[in-house]
């Protein structure tokens, strides 16, 4: 049973599976949202100056994050990329809110 689980977790990706693609989509949306939140918290100005760059960059960042996650060899590497980037963005967001 353990061997079967290991084979499933470390399966090389010869084709894009449904789970891998769904994970990439969800991770890309989450990471792009956090990145634009960080950008909005850093920019000083009125609401329009904060929201317009985020509106323009969100779809671009979603595409880049999605492709970056999708080109992972295994599902574990895709989860690692999402988790590490998520933690980095949340910590940066917390520090930027406290500083600004």
N, C-alpha and C. Protein backbone atom coordinates (compact mmCIF):
# COMPACT_ATOMS: atom_id res chain seq x y z
N UNK A 1 0.83 -1.19 0.00
CA UNK A 1 0.00 0.00 0.00
C UNK A 1 0.87 1.26 0.00
N UNK A 2 1.91 1.24 0.83
CA UNK A 2 2.81 2.39 0.90
C UNK A 2 3.53 2.61 -0.42
N UNK A 3 3.93 1.51 -1.04
CA UNK A 3 4.61 1.62 -2.33
C UNK A 3 3.69 2.20 -3.40
N UNK A 4 2.42 1.82 -3.37
CA UNK A 4 1.45 2.34 -4.32
C UNK A 4 1.23 3.83 -4.12
N UNK A 5 1.20 4.27 -2.86
CA UNK A 5 1.05 5.69 -2.55
C UNK A 5 2.26 6.48 -3.03
N UNK A 6 3.45 5.94 -2.81
CA UNK A 6 4.66 6.62 -3.27
C UNK A 6 4.68 6.74 -4.78
N UNK A 7 4.28 5.70 -5.47
CA UNK A 7 4.24 5.76 -6.94
C UNK A 7 3.26 6.82 -7.42
N UNK A 8 2.13 6.94 -6.73
CA UNK A 8 1.14 7.94 -7.12
C UNK A 8 1.65 9.35 -6.87
N UNK A 9 2.33 9.56 -5.72
CA UNK A 9 2.78 10.90 -5.36
C UNK A 9 3.94 11.36 -6.23
N UNK A 10 4.84 10.46 -6.59
CA UNK A 10 6.03 10.85 -7.34
C UNK A 10 5.94 10.44 -8.81
N UNK A 11 4.75 10.32 -9.30
CA UNK A 11 4.53 9.94 -10.70
C UNK A 11 5.01 11.05 -11.62
N UNK A 12 5.81 10.67 -12.59
CA UNK A 12 6.27 11.69 -13.54
C UNK A 12 5.12 12.07 -14.46
N UNK A 13 5.16 13.29 -14.93
CA UNK A 13 4.03 13.83 -15.68
C UNK A 13 4.34 13.74 -17.17
N UNK A 14 3.87 12.69 -17.80
CA UNK A 14 4.05 12.60 -19.24
C UNK A 14 2.93 13.32 -19.97
N UNK A 15 1.78 13.43 -19.34
CA UNK A 15 0.68 14.21 -19.89
C UNK A 15 0.06 15.01 -18.74
N UNK A 16 -0.60 16.08 -19.09
CA UNK A 16 -1.19 16.95 -18.07
C UNK A 16 -2.47 16.30 -17.59
N UNK A 17 -2.53 15.98 -16.32
CA UNK A 17 -3.71 15.36 -15.75
C UNK A 17 -4.68 16.39 -15.23
N UNK A 18 -5.86 15.91 -14.94
CA UNK A 18 -6.91 16.80 -14.45
C UNK A 18 -6.55 17.39 -13.09
N UNK A 19 -6.00 16.59 -12.22
CA UNK A 19 -5.62 17.07 -10.88
C UNK A 19 -4.50 18.10 -10.99
N UNK A 20 -3.53 17.82 -11.82
CA UNK A 20 -2.40 18.73 -11.98
C UNK A 20 -2.85 20.07 -12.57
N UNK A 21 -3.74 20.01 -13.54
CA UNK A 21 -4.24 21.24 -14.16
C UNK A 21 -5.11 22.03 -13.20
N UNK A 22 -5.95 21.35 -12.44
CA UNK A 22 -6.80 22.03 -11.45
C UNK A 22 -5.94 22.67 -10.36
N UNK A 23 -4.91 21.95 -9.94
CA UNK A 23 -4.00 22.49 -8.93
C UNK A 23 -3.28 23.73 -9.46
N UNK A 24 -2.88 23.70 -10.71
CA UNK A 24 -2.21 24.86 -11.32
C UNK A 24 -3.16 26.05 -11.41
N UNK A 25 -4.41 25.80 -11.78
CA UNK A 25 -5.39 26.90 -11.89
C UNK A 25 -5.67 27.53 -10.54
N UNK A 26 -5.92 26.71 -9.55
CA UNK A 26 -6.22 27.24 -8.20
C UNK A 26 -5.01 27.95 -7.63
N UNK A 27 -3.83 27.36 -7.78
CA UNK A 27 -2.60 27.99 -7.28
C UNK A 27 -2.30 29.30 -7.99
N UNK A 28 -2.54 29.36 -9.29
CA UNK A 28 -2.27 30.58 -10.05
C UNK A 28 -3.19 31.71 -9.61
N UNK A 29 -4.45 31.41 -9.40
CA UNK A 29 -5.40 32.43 -8.94
C UNK A 29 -5.00 32.93 -7.55
N UNK A 30 -4.68 32.02 -6.66
CA UNK A 30 -4.30 32.39 -5.29
C UNK A 30 -3.03 33.23 -5.28
N UNK A 31 -2.02 32.80 -5.99
CA UNK A 31 -0.75 33.52 -5.98
C UNK A 31 -0.83 34.87 -6.68
N UNK A 32 -1.59 34.96 -7.76
CA UNK A 32 -1.72 36.25 -8.44
C UNK A 32 -2.52 37.23 -7.57
N UNK A 33 -3.53 36.72 -6.87
CA UNK A 33 -4.30 37.58 -5.97
C UNK A 33 -3.40 38.12 -4.85
N UNK A 34 -2.59 37.27 -4.25
CA UNK A 34 -1.69 37.73 -3.19
C UNK A 34 -0.64 38.70 -3.72
N UNK A 35 -0.14 38.46 -4.92
CA UNK A 35 0.85 39.37 -5.50
C UNK A 35 0.25 40.75 -5.76
N UNK A 36 -0.96 40.78 -6.28
CA UNK A 36 -1.59 42.09 -6.53
C UNK A 36 -1.98 42.78 -5.22
N UNK A 37 -2.32 42.00 -4.19
CA UNK A 37 -2.56 42.61 -2.87
C UNK A 37 -1.29 43.25 -2.33
N UNK A 38 -0.17 42.56 -2.51
CA UNK A 38 1.11 43.11 -2.07
C UNK A 38 1.45 44.37 -2.84
N UNK A 39 1.22 44.36 -4.14
CA UNK A 39 1.47 45.54 -4.97
C UNK A 39 0.58 46.70 -4.54
N UNK A 40 -0.69 46.43 -4.26
CA UNK A 40 -1.61 47.49 -3.84
C UNK A 40 -1.25 48.05 -2.48
N UNK A 41 -0.70 47.21 -1.61
CA UNK A 41 -0.34 47.72 -0.29
C UNK A 41 0.94 48.56 -0.34
N UNK A 42 1.78 48.33 -1.33
CA UNK A 42 3.02 49.10 -1.45
C UNK A 42 2.79 50.45 -2.11
N UNK A 43 1.90 50.49 -3.12
CA UNK A 43 1.65 51.73 -3.86
C UNK A 43 0.95 52.74 -2.96
N UNK A 44 1.47 53.96 -2.95
CA UNK A 44 0.88 55.04 -2.16
C UNK A 44 0.10 55.94 -3.11
N UNK A 45 -1.11 56.23 -2.75
CA UNK A 45 -1.95 57.08 -3.58
C UNK A 45 -3.41 56.81 -3.30
N UNK A 46 -4.26 57.36 -4.14
CA UNK A 46 -5.68 57.13 -3.93
C UNK A 46 -6.07 55.74 -4.46
N UNK A 47 -7.35 55.42 -4.35
CA UNK A 47 -7.83 54.08 -4.67
C UNK A 47 -7.61 53.73 -6.14
N UNK A 48 -7.78 54.67 -7.02
CA UNK A 48 -7.61 54.40 -8.46
C UNK A 48 -6.16 54.04 -8.79
N UNK A 49 -5.21 54.73 -8.17
CA UNK A 49 -3.80 54.43 -8.41
C UNK A 49 -3.42 53.07 -7.86
N UNK A 50 -4.12 52.60 -6.83
CA UNK A 50 -3.82 51.30 -6.26
C UNK A 50 -4.48 50.16 -7.03
N UNK A 51 -5.66 50.38 -7.56
CA UNK A 51 -6.42 49.29 -8.15
C UNK A 51 -6.12 49.05 -9.63
N UNK A 52 -5.78 50.08 -10.38
CA UNK A 52 -5.57 49.92 -11.82
C UNK A 52 -4.37 49.03 -12.15
N UNK A 53 -3.21 49.18 -11.52
CA UNK A 53 -2.12 48.23 -11.82
C UNK A 53 -2.49 46.79 -11.46
N UNK A 54 -3.24 46.62 -10.39
CA UNK A 54 -3.65 45.27 -10.01
C UNK A 54 -4.61 44.67 -11.03
N UNK A 55 -5.50 45.49 -11.56
CA UNK A 55 -6.44 45.00 -12.57
C UNK A 55 -5.72 44.59 -13.85
N UNK A 56 -4.67 45.31 -14.19
CA UNK A 56 -3.94 45.00 -15.42
C UNK A 56 -3.03 43.78 -15.21
N UNK A 57 -2.39 43.70 -14.05
CA UNK A 57 -1.41 42.64 -13.83
C UNK A 57 -2.01 41.29 -13.43
N UNK A 58 -3.22 41.26 -12.89
CA UNK A 58 -3.78 40.00 -12.40
C UNK A 58 -3.87 38.93 -13.48
N UNK A 59 -4.45 39.19 -14.66
CA UNK A 59 -4.49 38.11 -15.66
C UNK A 59 -3.12 37.71 -16.19
N UNK A 60 -2.20 38.67 -16.26
CA UNK A 60 -0.85 38.35 -16.72
C UNK A 60 -0.15 37.45 -15.70
N UNK A 61 -0.28 37.82 -14.43
CA UNK A 61 0.34 37.01 -13.38
C UNK A 61 -0.30 35.63 -13.28
N UNK A 62 -1.62 35.55 -13.47
CA UNK A 62 -2.28 34.24 -13.46
C UNK A 62 -1.70 33.33 -14.54
N UNK A 63 -1.48 33.88 -15.71
CA UNK A 63 -0.91 33.08 -16.80
C UNK A 63 0.50 32.61 -16.47
N UNK A 64 1.33 33.53 -15.99
CA UNK A 64 2.70 33.16 -15.66
C UNK A 64 2.76 32.14 -14.53
N UNK A 65 2.01 32.38 -13.45
CA UNK A 65 2.01 31.42 -12.34
C UNK A 65 1.45 30.07 -12.78
N UNK A 66 0.40 30.08 -13.59
CA UNK A 66 -0.19 28.83 -14.05
C UNK A 66 0.78 28.01 -14.88
N UNK A 67 1.47 28.65 -15.81
CA UNK A 67 2.45 27.95 -16.64
C UNK A 67 3.60 27.45 -15.79
N UNK A 68 4.06 28.26 -14.85
CA UNK A 68 5.16 27.88 -13.97
C UNK A 68 4.80 26.66 -13.14
N UNK A 69 3.59 26.63 -12.61
CA UNK A 69 3.16 25.48 -11.81
C UNK A 69 2.90 24.27 -12.70
N UNK A 70 2.36 24.50 -13.87
CA UNK A 70 2.01 23.41 -14.77
C UNK A 70 3.23 22.67 -15.30
N UNK A 71 4.36 23.34 -15.40
CA UNK A 71 5.57 22.69 -15.89
C UNK A 71 6.34 21.96 -14.80
N UNK A 72 5.74 21.73 -13.65
CA UNK A 72 6.37 20.92 -12.61
C UNK A 72 6.37 19.46 -13.05
N UNK A 73 7.41 18.73 -12.68
CA UNK A 73 7.49 17.33 -13.09
C UNK A 73 6.49 16.47 -12.34
N UNK A 74 6.31 16.72 -11.06
CA UNK A 74 5.40 15.90 -10.26
C UNK A 74 4.40 16.80 -9.55
N UNK A 75 3.39 16.18 -9.00
CA UNK A 75 2.39 16.93 -8.25
C UNK A 75 2.97 17.49 -6.96
N UNK A 76 3.89 16.75 -6.37
CA UNK A 76 4.52 17.22 -5.13
C UNK A 76 5.31 18.50 -5.38
N UNK A 77 6.03 18.56 -6.48
CA UNK A 77 6.76 19.79 -6.81
C UNK A 77 5.81 20.96 -7.07
N UNK A 78 4.67 20.69 -7.68
CA UNK A 78 3.68 21.74 -7.91
C UNK A 78 3.14 22.26 -6.58
N UNK A 79 2.85 21.35 -5.66
CA UNK A 79 2.36 21.76 -4.33
C UNK A 79 3.43 22.53 -3.59
N UNK A 80 4.69 22.10 -3.70
CA UNK A 80 5.80 22.83 -3.06
C UNK A 80 5.91 24.25 -3.60
N UNK A 81 5.82 24.39 -4.92
CA UNK A 81 5.91 25.73 -5.52
C UNK A 81 4.80 26.63 -5.01
N UNK A 82 3.59 26.10 -4.94
CA UNK A 82 2.46 26.90 -4.46
C UNK A 82 2.65 27.27 -3.00
N UNK A 83 3.01 26.31 -2.17
CA UNK A 83 3.13 26.57 -0.73
C UNK A 83 4.26 27.54 -0.41
N UNK A 84 5.44 27.34 -1.00
CA UNK A 84 6.56 28.22 -0.71
C UNK A 84 6.30 29.64 -1.19
N UNK A 85 5.73 29.78 -2.36
CA UNK A 85 5.43 31.11 -2.87
C UNK A 85 4.33 31.76 -2.05
N UNK A 86 3.34 30.97 -1.63
CA UNK A 86 2.26 31.48 -0.78
C UNK A 86 2.82 32.03 0.53
N UNK A 87 3.69 31.27 1.17
CA UNK A 87 4.27 31.71 2.44
C UNK A 87 5.11 32.96 2.24
N UNK A 88 5.90 33.00 1.18
CA UNK A 88 6.72 34.18 0.90
C UNK A 88 5.85 35.42 0.68
N UNK A 89 4.78 35.28 -0.08
CA UNK A 89 3.90 36.42 -0.35
C UNK A 89 3.14 36.87 0.90
N UNK A 90 2.69 35.93 1.72
CA UNK A 90 1.98 36.31 2.94
C UNK A 90 2.91 37.01 3.91
N UNK A 91 4.13 36.51 4.07
CA UNK A 91 5.09 37.18 4.95
C UNK A 91 5.42 38.57 4.42
N UNK A 92 5.63 38.69 3.12
CA UNK A 92 5.90 40.01 2.53
C UNK A 92 4.72 40.95 2.71
N UNK A 93 3.52 40.43 2.58
CA UNK A 93 2.32 41.24 2.76
C UNK A 93 2.19 41.72 4.20
N UNK A 94 2.47 40.84 5.14
CA UNK A 94 2.41 41.23 6.56
C UNK A 94 3.44 42.31 6.87
N UNK A 95 4.68 42.13 6.38
CA UNK A 95 5.71 43.13 6.63
C UNK A 95 5.41 44.44 5.93
N UNK A 96 4.83 44.40 4.74
CA UNK A 96 4.53 45.64 4.03
C UNK A 96 3.40 46.40 4.70
N UNK A 97 2.45 45.69 5.27
CA UNK A 97 1.35 46.37 5.98
C UNK A 97 1.88 47.02 7.25
N UNK A 98 2.78 46.34 7.96
CA UNK A 98 3.33 46.90 9.18
C UNK A 98 4.26 48.07 8.91
N UNK A 99 4.99 48.04 7.79
CA UNK A 99 5.93 49.11 7.47
C UNK A 99 5.19 50.33 6.92
N UNK A 100 4.27 50.12 6.01
CA UNK A 100 3.58 51.24 5.39
C UNK A 100 2.36 51.53 6.20
